[in-house]
PDB file of N, CA and C in Angstrom:
ATOM      1  N   MET A   1       2.386  83.084  91.510  1.00  0.00           N
ATOM      2  CA  MET A   1       2.885  84.390  91.860  1.00  0.00           C
ATOM      3  C   MET A   1       2.179  84.921  93.110  1.00  0.00           C
ATOM      4  N   LYS A   2       0.847  84.656  93.167  1.00  0.00           N
ATOM      5  CA  LYS A   2       0.103  85.105  94.334  1.00  0.00           C
ATOM      6  C   LYS A   2       0.574  84.389  95.584  1.00  0.00           C
ATOM      7  N   LYS A   3       0.913  83.118  95.469  1.00  0.00           N
ATOM      8  CA  LYS A   3       1.382  82.355  96.621  1.00  0.00           C
ATOM      9  C   LYS A   3       2.718  82.911  97.125  1.00  0.00           C
ATOM     10  N   LEU A   4       3.599  83.276  96.181  1.00  0.00           N
ATOM     11  CA  LEU A   4       4.905  83.848  96.563  1.00  0.00           C
ATOM     12  C   LEU A   4       4.721  85.187  97.270  1.00  0.00           C
ATOM     13  N   PHE A   5       3.830  86.013  96.753  1.00  0.00           N
ATOM     14  CA  PHE A   5       3.548  87.295  97.377  1.00  0.00           C
ATOM     15  C   PHE A   5       2.983  87.116  98.778  1.00  0.00           C
ATOM     16  N   LYS A   6       2.083  86.159  98.970  1.00  0.00           N
ATOM     17  CA  LYS A   6       1.510  85.881 100.291  1.00  0.00           C
ATOM     18  C   LYS A   6       2.589  85.385 101.252  1.00  0.00           C
ATOM     19  N   LEU A   7       3.491  84.555 100.745  1.00  0.00           N
ATOM     20  CA  LEU A   7       4.569  84.033 101.585  1.00  0.00           C
ATOM     21  C   LEU A   7       5.517  85.151 102.020  1.00  0.00           C
ATOM     22  N   LEU A   8       5.897  86.014 101.088  1.00  0.00           N
ATOM     23  CA  LEU A   8       6.775  87.137 101.432  1.00  0.00           C
ATOM     24  C   LEU A   8       6.094  88.105 102.396  1.00  0.00           C
ATOM     25  N   THR A   9       4.814  88.326 102.228  1.00  0.00           N
ATOM     26  CA  THR A   9       4.066  89.188 103.144  1.00  0.00           C
ATOM     27  C   THR A   9       4.036  88.581 104.539  1.00  0.00           C
ATOM     28  N   LEU A  10       3.838  87.291 104.634  1.00  0.00           N
ATOM     29  CA  LEU A  10       3.824  86.608 105.923  1.00  0.00           C
ATOM     30  C   LEU A  10       5.192  86.694 106.601  1.00  0.00           C
ATOM     31  N   ILE A  11       6.254  86.488 105.837  1.00  0.00           N
ATOM     32  CA  ILE A  11       7.614  86.588 106.395  1.00  0.00           C
ATOM     33  C   ILE A  11       7.900  88.011 106.859  1.00  0.00           C
ATOM     34  N   ALA A  12       7.496  89.012 106.069  1.00  0.00           N
ATOM     35  CA  ALA A  12       7.715  90.413 106.449  1.00  0.00           C
ATOM     36  C   ALA A  12       6.929  90.750 107.715  1.00  0.00           C
ATOM     37  N   PHE A  13       5.702  90.237 107.818  1.00  0.00           N
ATOM     38  CA  PHE A  13       4.902  90.481 109.020  1.00  0.00           C
ATOM     39  C   PHE A  13       5.555  89.861 110.246  1.00  0.00           C
ATOM     40  N   ALA A  14       6.053  88.618 110.101  1.00  0.00           N
ATOM     41  CA  ALA A  14       6.708  87.946 111.225  1.00  0.00           C
ATOM     42  C   ALA A  14       7.979  88.688 111.634  1.00  0.00           C
ATOM     43  N   ALA A  15       8.727  89.170 110.653  1.00  0.00           N
ATOM     44  CA  ALA A  15       9.953  89.908 110.967  1.00  0.00           C
ATOM     45  C   ALA A  15       9.615  91.227 111.661  1.00  0.00           C
ATOM     46  N   GLY A  16       8.597  91.917 111.195  1.00  0.00           N
ATOM     47  CA  GLY A  16       8.193  93.171 111.838  1.00  0.00           C
ATOM     48  C   GLY A  16       7.710  92.949 113.252  1.00  0.00           C
ATOM     49  N   LEU A  17       6.947  91.875 113.470  1.00  0.00           N
ATOM     50  CA  LEU A  17       6.467  91.551 114.807  1.00  0.00           C
ATOM     51  C   LEU A  17       7.629  91.208 115.736  1.00  0.00           C
ATOM     52  N   ALA A  18       8.608  90.463 115.226  1.00  0.00           N
ATOM     53  CA  ALA A  18       9.792  90.128 116.031  1.00  0.00           C
ATOM     54  C   ALA A  18      10.579  91.392 116.360  1.00  0.00           C
ATOM     55  N   TRP A  19      10.654  92.319 115.421  1.00  0.00           N
ATOM     56  CA  TRP A  19      11.373  93.570 115.656  1.00  0.00           C
ATOM     57  C   TRP A  19      10.681  94.403 116.737  1.00  0.00           C
ATOM     58  N   LEU A  20       9.354  94.434 116.709  1.00  0.00           N
ATOM     59  CA  LEU A  20       8.619  95.193 117.710  1.00  0.00           C
ATOM     60  C   LEU A  20       8.738  94.560 119.098  1.00  0.00           C
ATOM     61  N   LEU A  21       8.824  93.250 119.163  1.00  0.00           N
ATOM     62  CA  LEU A  21       8.881  92.552 120.445  1.00  0.00           C
ATOM     63  C   LEU A  21      10.303  92.155 120.843  1.00  0.00           C
ATOM     64  N   ARG A  22      11.314  92.739 120.207  1.00  0.00           N
ATOM     65  CA  ARG A  22      12.698  92.326 120.451  1.00  0.00           C
ATOM     66  C   ARG A  22      13.127  92.520 121.901  1.00  0.00           C
ATOM     67  N   ASP A  23      12.601  93.532 122.586  1.00  0.00           N
ATOM     68  CA  ASP A  23      12.983  93.754 123.980  1.00  0.00           C
ATOM     69  C   ASP A  23      12.427  92.659 124.889  1.00  0.00           C
ATOM     70  N   GLN A  24      11.273  92.115 124.528  1.00  0.00           N
ATOM     71  CA  GLN A  24      10.693  91.052 125.329  1.00  0.00           C
ATOM     72  C   GLN A  24      11.263  89.686 124.954  1.00  0.00           C
ATOM     73  N   LEU A  25      11.712  89.541 123.718  1.00  0.00           N
ATOM     74  CA  LEU A  25      12.228  88.257 123.263  1.00  0.00           C
ATOM     75  C   LEU A  25      13.671  88.009 123.691  1.00  0.00           C
ATOM     76  N   VAL A  26      14.495  89.072 123.688  1.00  0.00           N
ATOM     77  CA  VAL A  26      15.921  88.941 124.026  1.00  0.00           C
ATOM     78  C   VAL A  26      16.155  89.649 125.355  1.00  0.00           C
ATOM     79  N   PRO A  27      16.696  88.952 126.347  1.00  0.00           N
ATOM     80  CA  PRO A  27      16.943  89.615 127.632  1.00  0.00           C
ATOM     81  C   PRO A  27      18.030  90.681 127.503  1.00  0.00           C
ATOM     82  N   GLY A  28      17.880  91.751 128.265  1.00  0.00           N
ATOM     83  CA  GLY A  28      18.845  92.840 128.239  1.00  0.00           C
ATOM     84  C   GLY A  28      20.090  92.517 129.043  1.00  0.00           C
ATOM     85  N   PRO A  29      21.058  93.420 129.036  1.00  0.00           N
ATOM     86  CA  PRO A  29      22.285  93.174 129.795  1.00  0.00           C
ATOM     87  C   PRO A  29      22.002  93.189 131.294  1.00  0.00           C
ATOM     88  N   THR A  30      22.733  92.376 132.005  1.00  0.00           N
ATOM     89  CA  THR A  30      22.585  92.313 133.455  1.00  0.00           C
ATOM     90  C   THR A  30      23.786  92.957 134.114  1.00  0.00           C
ATOM     91  N   ALA A  31      23.627  93.352 135.336  1.00  0.00           N
ATOM     92  CA  ALA A  31      24.722  93.955 136.092  1.00  0.00           C
ATOM     93  C   ALA A  31      25.748  92.882 136.440  1.00  0.00           C
ATOM     94  N   PRO A  32      27.027  93.207 136.386  1.00  0.00           N
ATOM     95  CA  PRO A  32      28.034  92.201 136.731  1.00  0.00           C
ATOM     96  C   PRO A  32      27.924  91.813 138.202  1.00  0.00           C
ATOM     97  N   THR A  33      28.058  90.527 138.459  1.00  0.00           N
ATOM     98  CA  THR A  33      27.914  90.047 139.829  1.00  0.00           C
ATOM     99  C   THR A  33      29.251  89.696 140.454  1.00  0.00           C
ATOM    100  N   SER A  34      30.296  89.567 139.639  1.00  0.00           N
ATOM    101  CA  SER A  34      31.593  89.197 140.197  1.00  0.00           C
ATOM    102  C   SER A  34      32.540  90.381 140.131  1.00  0.00           C
ATOM    103  N   HIS A  35      33.664  90.224 140.774  1.00  0.00           N
ATOM    104  CA  HIS A  35      34.687  91.260 140.754  1.00  0.00           C
ATOM    105  C   HIS A  35      35.398  91.247 139.406  1.00  0.00           C
ATOM    106  N   PRO A  36      35.999  92.366 139.025  1.00  0.00           N
ATOM    107  CA  PRO A  36      36.706  92.359 137.743  1.00  0.00           C
ATOM    108  C   PRO A  36      37.911  91.435 137.796  1.00  0.00           C
ATOM    109  N   PRO A  37      38.370  90.969 136.660  1.00  0.00           N
ATOM    110  CA  PRO A  37      39.549  90.100 136.657  1.00  0.00           C
ATOM    111  C   PRO A  37      40.763  90.830 137.240  1.00  0.00           C
ATOM    112  N   PRO A  38      41.758  90.089 137.703  1.00  0.00           N
ATOM    113  CA  PRO A  38      42.899  90.729 138.359  1.00  0.00           C
ATOM    114  C   PRO A  38      43.638  91.738 137.493  1.00  0.00           C
ATOM    115  N   PHE A  39      43.676  91.547 136.186  1.00  0.00           N
ATOM    116  CA  PHE A  39      44.403  92.490 135.350  1.00  0.00           C
ATOM    117  C   PHE A  39      43.690  93.828 135.218  1.00  0.00           C
ATOM    118  N   ARG A  40      42.453  93.905 135.676  1.00  0.00           N
ATOM    119  CA  ARG A  40      41.724  95.172 135.610  1.00  0.00           C
ATOM    120  C   ARG A  40      41.701  95.924 136.928  1.00  0.00           C
ATOM    121  N   THR A  41      42.266  95.381 137.960  1.00  0.00           N
ATOM    122  CA  THR A  41      42.277  96.077 139.236  1.00  0.00           C
ATOM    123  C   THR A  41      43.368  97.130 139.215  1.00  0.00           C
ATOM    124  N   PRO A  42      43.111  98.285 139.813  1.00  0.00           N
ATOM    125  CA  PRO A  42      44.130  99.337 139.806  1.00  0.00           C
ATOM    126  C   PRO A  42      45.333  98.917 140.651  1.00  0.00           C
ATOM    127  N   PRO A  43      46.513  99.388 140.288  1.00  0.00           N
ATOM    128  CA  PRO A  43      47.700  99.028 141.063  1.00  0.00           C
ATOM    129  C   PRO A  43      47.638  99.645 142.458  1.00  0.00           C
ATOM    130  N   GLU A  44      48.265  98.972 143.387  1.00  0.00           N
ATOM    131  CA  GLU A  44      48.277  99.484 144.750  1.00  0.00           C
ATOM    132  C   GLU A  44      49.173 100.719 144.810  1.00  0.00           C
ATOM    133  N   ARG A  45      48.704 101.702 145.512  1.00  0.00           N
ATOM    134  CA  ARG A  45      49.470 102.933 145.655  1.00  0.00           C
ATOM    135  C   ARG A  45      50.123 102.949 147.027  1.00  0.00           C
ATOM    136  N   PRO A  46      51.306 103.561 147.122  1.00  0.00           N
ATOM    137  CA  PRO A  46      51.959 103.610 148.425  1.00  0.00           C
ATOM    138  C   PRO A  46      51.174 104.487 149.392  1.00  0.00           C
ATOM    139  N   HIS A  47      51.387 104.233 150.640  1.00  0.00           N
ATOM    140  CA  HIS A  47      50.728 105.012 151.681  1.00  0.00           C
ATOM    141  C   HIS A  47      51.137 106.475 151.536  1.00  0.00           C
ATOM    142  N   PRO A  48      50.200 107.427 151.719  1.00  0.00           N
ATOM    143  CA  PRO A  48      50.538 108.838 151.531  1.00  0.00           C
ATOM    144  C   PRO A  48      51.694 109.312 152.409  1.00  0.00           C
ATOM    145  N   ALA A  49      51.854 108.725 153.585  1.00  0.00           N
ATOM    146  CA  ALA A  49      52.941 109.167 154.456  1.00  0.00           C
ATOM    147  C   ALA A  49      54.292 108.705 153.916  1.00  0.00           C
ATOM    148  N   ALA A  50      54.321 107.647 153.092  1.00  0.00           N
ATOM    149  CA  ALA A  50      55.569 107.135 152.565  1.00  0.00           C
ATOM    150  C   ALA A  50      56.093 107.970 151.399  1.00  0.00           C
ATOM    151  N   VAL A  51      55.221 108.731 150.741  1.00  0.00           N
ATOM    152  CA  VAL A  51      55.626 109.545 149.611  1.00  0.00           C
ATOM    153  C   VAL A  51      56.006 110.933 150.127  1.00  0.00           C
ATOM    154  N   PRO A  52      57.246 111.380 149.881  1.00  0.00           N
ATOM    155  CA  PRO A  52      57.615 112.708 150.350  1.00  0.00           C
ATOM    156  C   PRO A  52      56.855 113.779 149.568  1.00  0.00           C
ATOM    157  N   PRO A  53      56.436 114.828 150.234  1.00  0.00           N
ATOM    158  CA  PRO A  53      55.695 115.871 149.533  1.00  0.00           C
ATOM    159  C   PRO A  53      56.599 116.598 148.544  1.00  0.00           C
ATOM    160  N   ALA A  54      56.043 116.900 147.391  1.00  0.00           N
ATOM    161  CA  ALA A  54      56.798 117.633 146.377  1.00  0.00           C
ATOM    162  C   ALA A  54      56.885 119.102 146.793  1.00  0.00           C
ATOM    163  N   PRO A  55      58.031 119.731 146.567  1.00  0.00           N
ATOM    164  CA  PRO A  55      58.132 121.137 146.925  1.00  0.00           C
ATOM    165  C   PRO A  55      57.172 121.959 146.070  1.00  0.00           C
ATOM    166  N   ALA A  56      56.567 122.936 146.702  1.00  0.00           N
ATOM    167  CA  ALA A  56      55.590 123.761 146.002  1.00  0.00           C
ATOM    168  C   ALA A  56      56.315 124.638 144.983  1.00  0.00           C
ATOM    169  N   ALA A  57      55.812 124.635 143.772  1.00  0.00           N
ATOM    170  CA  ALA A  57      56.401 125.453 142.713  1.00  0.00           C
ATOM    171  C   ALA A  57      55.620 126.756 142.615  1.00  0.00           C
ATOM    172  N   ASP A  58      56.338 127.815 142.371  1.00  0.00           N
ATOM    173  CA  ASP A  58      55.704 129.118 142.188  1.00  0.00           C
ATOM    174  C   ASP A  58      55.281 129.272 140.728  1.00  0.00           C
ATOM    175  N   ASP A  59      54.352 130.176 140.504  1.00  0.00           N
ATOM    176  CA  ASP A  59      53.926 130.491 139.144  1.00  0.00           C
ATOM    177  C   ASP A  59      54.911 131.508 138.572  1.00  0.00           C
ATOM    178  N   LEU A  60      55.926 131.004 137.864  1.00  0.00           N
ATOM    179  CA  LEU A  60      56.971 131.876 137.341  1.00  0.00           C
ATOM    180  C   LEU A  60      56.458 132.835 136.283  1.00  0.00           C
ATOM    181  N   THR A  61      55.265 132.599 135.753  1.00  0.00           N
ATOM    182  CA  THR A  61      54.720 133.511 134.752  1.00  0.00           C
ATOM    183  C   THR A  61      54.312 134.847 135.371  1.00  0.00           C
ATOM    184  N   ARG A  62      54.337 134.934 136.693  1.00  0.00           N
ATOM    185  CA  ARG A  62      54.060 136.222 137.350  1.00  0.00           C
ATOM    186  C   ARG A  62      55.205 137.202 137.152  1.00  0.00           C
ATOM    187  N   VAL A  63      56.396 136.668 136.831  1.00  0.00           N
ATOM    188  CA  VAL A  63      57.533 137.545 136.540  1.00  0.00           C
ATOM    189  C   VAL A  63      57.318 138.121 135.146  1.00  0.00           C
ATOM    190  N   ASN A  64      57.418 139.432 135.030  1.00  0.00           N
ATOM    191  CA  ASN A  64      57.200 140.100 133.756  1.00  0.00           C
ATOM    192  C   ASN A  64      58.224 139.609 132.734  1.00  0.00           C
ATOM    193  N   GLY A  65      57.744 139.068 131.622  1.00  0.00           N
ATOM    194  CA  GLY A  65      58.615 138.568 130.568  1.00  0.00           C
ATOM    195  C   GLY A  65      58.699 137.061 130.510  1.00  0.00           C
ATOM    196  N   ILE A  66      58.188 136.362 131.526  1.00  0.00           N
ATOM    197  CA  ILE A  66      58.197 134.905 131.521  1.00  0.00           C
ATOM    198  C   ILE A  66      56.793 134.420 131.194  1.00  0.00           C
ATOM    199  N   GLY A  67      56.702 133.687 130.107  1.00  0.00           N
ATOM    200  CA  GLY A  67      55.438 133.079 129.713  1.00  0.00           C
ATOM    201  C   GLY A  67      55.490 131.583 129.980  1.00  0.00           C
ATOM    202  N   PRO A  68      54.477 130.853 129.538  1.00  0.00           N
ATOM    203  CA  PRO A  68      54.455 129.406 129.780  1.00  0.00           C
ATOM    204  C   PRO A  68      55.640 128.667 129.153  1.00  0.00           C
ATOM    205  N   VAL A  69      56.095 129.099 127.988  1.00  0.00           N
ATOM    206  CA  VAL A  69      57.212 128.422 127.320  1.00  0.00           C
ATOM    207  C   VAL A  69      58.496 128.630 128.107  1.00  0.00           C
ATOM    208  N   TYR A  70      58.760 129.884 128.482  1.00  0.00           N
ATOM    209  CA  TYR A  70      59.978 130.164 129.251  1.00  0.00           C
ATOM    210  C   TYR A  70      59.907 129.523 130.635  1.00  0.00           C
ATOM    211  N   ALA A  71      58.717 129.479 131.237  1.00  0.00           N
ATOM    212  CA  ALA A  71      58.578 128.814 132.539  1.00  0.00           C
ATOM    213  C   ALA A  71      58.901 127.330 132.404  1.00  0.00           C
ATOM    214  N   GLY A  72      58.503 126.712 131.300  1.00  0.00           N
ATOM    215  CA  GLY A  72      58.826 125.309 131.059  1.00  0.00           C
ATOM    216  C   GLY A  72      60.320 125.104 130.878  1.00  0.00           C
ATOM    217  N   LYS A  73      60.976 126.020 130.179  1.00  0.00           N
ATOM    218  CA  LYS A  73      62.426 125.916 130.002  1.00  0.00           C
ATOM    219  C   LYS A  73      63.152 126.102 131.329  1.00  0.00           C
ATOM    220  N   LEU A  74      62.666 127.011 132.155  1.00  0.00           N
ATOM    221  CA  LEU A  74      63.287 127.200 133.473  1.00  0.00           C
ATOM    222  C   LEU A  74      63.067 125.982 134.351  1.00  0.00           C
ATOM    223  N   ALA A  75      61.883 125.381 134.282  1.00  0.00           N
ATOM    224  CA  ALA A  75      61.613 124.177 135.069  1.00  0.00           C
ATOM    225  C   ALA A  75      62.512 123.035 134.621  1.00  0.00           C
ATOM    226  N   ALA A  76      62.759 122.939 133.311  1.00  0.00           N
ATOM    227  CA  ALA A  76      63.670 121.901 132.814  1.00  0.00           C
ATOM    228  C   ALA A  76      65.093 122.141 133.316  1.00  0.00           C
ATOM    229  N   ALA A  77      65.435 123.391 133.583  1.00  0.00           N
ATOM    230  CA  ALA A  77      66.757 123.728 134.125  1.00  0.00           C
ATOM    231  C   ALA A  77      66.787 123.587 135.644  1.00  0.00           C
ATOM    232  N   GLY A  78      65.671 123.221 136.267  1.00  0.00           N
ATOM    233  CA  GLY A  78      65.631 123.003 137.709  1.00  0.00           C
ATOM    234  C   GLY A  78      65.183 124.201 138.519  1.00  0.00           C
ATOM    235  N   ILE A  79      64.626 125.194 137.874  1.00  0.00           N
ATOM    236  CA  ILE A  79      64.179 126.402 138.581  1.00  0.00           C
ATOM    237  C   ILE A  79      62.661 126.427 138.559  1.00  0.00           C
ATOM    238  N   THR A  80      62.056 126.268 139.758  1.00  0.00           N
ATOM    239  CA  THR A  80      60.597 126.219 139.835  1.00  0.00           C
ATOM    240  C   THR A  80      60.016 127.244 140.798  1.00  0.00           C
ATOM    241  N   THR A  81      60.852 127.916 141.583  1.00  0.00           N
ATOM    242  CA  THR A  81      60.346 128.896 142.545  1.00  0.00           C
ATOM    243  C   THR A  81      61.038 130.233 142.320  1.00  0.00           C
ATOM    244  N   PHE A  82      60.428 131.271 142.882  1.00  0.00           N
ATOM    245  CA  PHE A  82      61.034 132.601 142.803  1.00  0.00           C
ATOM    246  C   PHE A  82      62.383 132.613 143.524  1.00  0.00           C
ATOM    247  N   ARG A  83      62.460 131.895 144.633  1.00  0.00           N
ATOM    248  CA  ARG A  83      63.703 131.840 145.409  1.00  0.00           C
ATOM    249  C   ARG A  83      64.818 131.162 144.587  1.00  0.00           C
ATOM    250  N   ASP A  84      64.461 130.092 143.865  1.00  0.00           N
ATOM    251  CA  ASP A  84      65.449 129.437 143.000  1.00  0.00           C
ATOM    252  C   ASP A  84      65.965 130.396 141.933  1.00  0.00           C
ATOM    253  N   LEU A  85      65.042 131.129 141.320  1.00  0.00           N
ATOM    254  CA  LEU A  85      65.429 132.054 140.257  1.00  0.00           C
ATOM    255  C   LEU A  85      66.220 133.226 140.800  1.00  0.00           C
ATOM    256  N   ALA A  86      65.821 133.732 141.955  1.00  0.00           N
ATOM    257  CA  ALA A  86      66.519 134.888 142.527  1.00  0.00           C
ATOM    258  C   ALA A  86      67.947 134.527 142.941  1.00  0.00           C
ATOM    259  N   GLY A  87      68.180 133.289 143.357  1.00  0.00           N
ATOM    260  CA  GLY A  87      69.517 132.894 143.794  1.00  0.00           C
ATOM    261  C   GLY A  87      70.345 132.232 142.717  1.00  0.00           C
ATOM    262  N   ALA A  88      69.837 132.180 141.497  1.00  0.00           N
ATOM    263  CA  ALA A  88      70.542 131.487 140.420  1.00  0.00           C
ATOM    264  C   ALA A  88      71.571 132.385 139.759  1.00  0.00           C
ATOM    265  N   ASP A  89      72.524 131.745 139.104  1.00  0.00           N
ATOM    266  CA  ASP A  89      73.542 132.446 138.332  1.00  0.00           C
ATOM    267  C   ASP A  89      73.005 132.611 136.908  1.00  0.00           C
ATOM    268  N   ALA A  90      73.033 133.835 136.401  1.00  0.00           N
ATOM    269  CA  ALA A  90      72.445 134.132 135.098  1.00  0.00           C
ATOM    270  C   ALA A  90      73.136 133.355 133.975  1.00  0.00           C
ATOM    271  N   ASP A  91      74.454 133.237 134.040  1.00  0.00           N
ATOM    272  CA  ASP A  91      75.174 132.514 132.986  1.00  0.00           C
ATOM    273  C   ASP A  91      74.798 131.034 132.962  1.00  0.00           C
ATOM    274  N   ARG A  92      74.712 130.425 134.152  1.00  0.00           N
ATOM    275  CA  ARG A  92      74.397 129.008 134.239  1.00  0.00           C
ATOM    276  C   ARG A  92      72.978 128.739 133.748  1.00  0.00           C
ATOM    277  N   VAL A  93      72.017 129.557 134.183  1.00  0.00           N
ATOM    278  CA  VAL A  93      70.623 129.371 133.772  1.00  0.00           C
ATOM    279  C   VAL A  93      70.474 129.596 132.273  1.00  0.00           C
ATOM    280  N   ALA A  94      71.131 130.617 131.756  1.00  0.00           N
ATOM    281  CA  ALA A  94      71.045 130.899 130.324  1.00  0.00           C
ATOM    282  C   ALA A  94      71.600 129.734 129.507  1.00  0.00           C
ATOM    283  N   ALA A  95      72.680 129.128 129.973  1.00  0.00           N
ATOM    284  CA  ALA A  95      73.266 128.004 129.250  1.00  0.00           C
ATOM    285  C   ALA A  95      72.382 126.759 129.335  1.00  0.00           C
ATOM    286  N   GLN A  96      71.843 126.480 130.518  1.00  0.00           N
ATOM    287  CA  GLN A  96      71.025 125.278 130.686  1.00  0.00           C
ATOM    288  C   GLN A  96      69.682 125.383 129.960  1.00  0.00           C
ATOM    289  N   ALA A  97      69.071 126.564 130.006  1.00  0.00           N
ATOM    290  CA  ALA A  97      67.736 126.726 129.416  1.00  0.00           C
ATOM    291  C   ALA A  97      67.796 127.177 127.960  1.00  0.00           C
ATOM    292  N   GLY A  98      68.971 127.575 127.485  1.00  0.00           N
ATOM    293  CA  GLY A  98      69.086 128.039 126.106  1.00  0.00           C
ATOM    294  C   GLY A  98      68.429 129.385 125.897  1.00  0.00           C
ATOM    295  N   LEU A  99      68.620 130.291 126.851  1.00  0.00           N
ATOM    296  CA  LEU A  99      67.989 131.609 126.804  1.00  0.00           C
ATOM    297  C   LEU A  99      69.059 132.686 126.785  1.00  0.00           C
ATOM    298  N   PRO A 100      68.724 133.901 126.348  1.00  0.00           N
ATOM    299  CA  PRO A 100      69.700 134.993 126.376  1.00  0.00           C
ATOM    300  C   PRO A 100      70.053 135.373 127.813  1.00  0.00           C
ATOM    301  N   ARG A 101      71.347 135.623 128.053  1.00  0.00           N
ATOM    302  CA  ARG A 101      71.824 135.929 129.400  1.00  0.00           C
ATOM    303  C   ARG A 101      71.200 137.220 129.930  1.00  0.00           C
ATOM    304  N   ASP A 102      71.061 138.258 129.096  1.00  0.00           N
ATOM    305  CA  ASP A 102      70.499 139.534 129.559  1.00  0.00           C
ATOM    306  C   ASP A 102      69.062 139.364 130.037  1.00  0.00           C
ATOM    307  N   ARG A 103      68.304 138.570 129.321  1.00  0.00           N
ATOM    308  CA  ARG A 103      66.908 138.337 129.702  1.00  0.00           C
ATOM    309  C   ARG A 103      66.831 137.604 131.044  1.00  0.00           C
ATOM    310  N   VAL A 104      67.689 136.601 131.218  1.00  0.00           N
ATOM    311  CA  VAL A 104      67.696 135.839 132.469  1.00  0.00           C
ATOM    312  C   VAL A 104      68.120 136.738 133.629  1.00  0.00           C
ATOM    313  N   ALA A 105      69.114 137.592 133.407  1.00  0.00           N
ATOM    314  CA  ALA A 105      69.555 138.509 134.461  1.00  0.00           C
ATOM    315  C   ALA A 105      68.421 139.455 134.868  1.00  0.00           C
ATOM    316  N   ASP A 106      67.629 139.898 133.905  1.00  0.00           N
ATOM    317  CA  ASP A 106      66.477 140.755 134.197  1.00  0.00           C
ATOM    318  C   ASP A 106      65.459 139.989 135.033  1.00  0.00           C
ATOM    319  N   TRP A 107      65.204 138.739 134.687  1.00  0.00           N
ATOM    320  CA  TRP A 107      64.243 137.913 135.447  1.00  0.00           C
ATOM    321  C   TRP A 107      64.733 137.672 136.867  1.00  0.00           C
ATOM    322  N   ILE A 108      66.025 137.510 137.040  1.00  0.00           N
ATOM    323  CA  ILE A 108      66.580 137.258 138.368  1.00  0.00           C
ATOM    324  C   ILE A 108      66.315 138.469 139.268  1.00  0.00           C
ATOM    325  N   GLY A 109      66.493 139.669 138.740  1.00  0.00           N
ATOM    326  CA  GLY A 109      66.203 140.868 139.531  1.00  0.00           C
ATOM    327  C   GLY A 109      64.732 140.991 139.864  1.00  0.00           C
ATOM    328  N   LYS A 110      63.857 140.654 138.922  1.00  0.00           N
ATOM    329  CA  LYS A 110      62.417 140.734 139.183  1.00  0.00           C
ATOM    330  C   LYS A 110      61.959 139.648 140.148  1.00  0.00           C
ATOM    331  N   ALA A 111      62.580 138.475 140.076  1.00  0.00           N
ATOM    332  CA  ALA A 111      62.210 137.391 140.961  1.00  0.00           C
ATOM    333  C   ALA A 111      62.632 137.671 142.397  1.00  0.00           C
ATOM    334  N   ALA A 112      63.722 138.423 142.571  1.00  0.00           N
ATOM    335  CA  ALA A 112      64.169 138.794 143.917  1.00  0.00           C
ATOM    336  C   ALA A 112      63.099 139.646 144.606  1.00  0.00           C
ATOM    337  N   ASP A 113      62.383 140.455 143.857  1.00  0.00           N
ATOM    338  CA  ASP A 113      61.303 141.259 144.442  1.00  0.00           C
ATOM    339  C   ASP A 113      60.118 140.405 144.870  1.00  0.00           C
ATOM    340  N   LEU A 114      59.873 139.281 144.178  1.00  0.00           N
ATOM    341  CA  LEU A 114      58.744 138.419 144.491  1.00  0.00           C
ATOM    342  C   LEU A 114      59.062 137.343 145.520  1.00  0.00           C
ATOM    343  N   ALA A 115      60.353 137.056 145.712  1.00  0.00           N
ATOM    344  CA  ALA A 115      60.723 135.976 146.642  1.00  0.00           C
ATOM    345  C   ALA A 115      60.555 136.381 148.081  1.00  0.00           C
TER     346      ALA A 115
END
């Protein structure tokens, strides 16, 4: 029994010593020296001059009564600027965006002041 206890103590000591010296025994990670594989390279983007600039959209939430949800519905209907809203037909916008016609007509008048 004493021999078994001595053997287990020796094994535990060796394991503890290996645990303490693990940084010196096992080399750490090294910095990559090669380029990433081709499937990890980002796709080529077109030259900035080749991409037409997107028209600037106005913040339609500045119109009293239009919140982020209604602005999203108007954008889905193709209205992103005050000028678009001011020149739009209330019936057409109400049908496309699924909004009440009276509310859209009110927004059209308010957008004309901001355009």
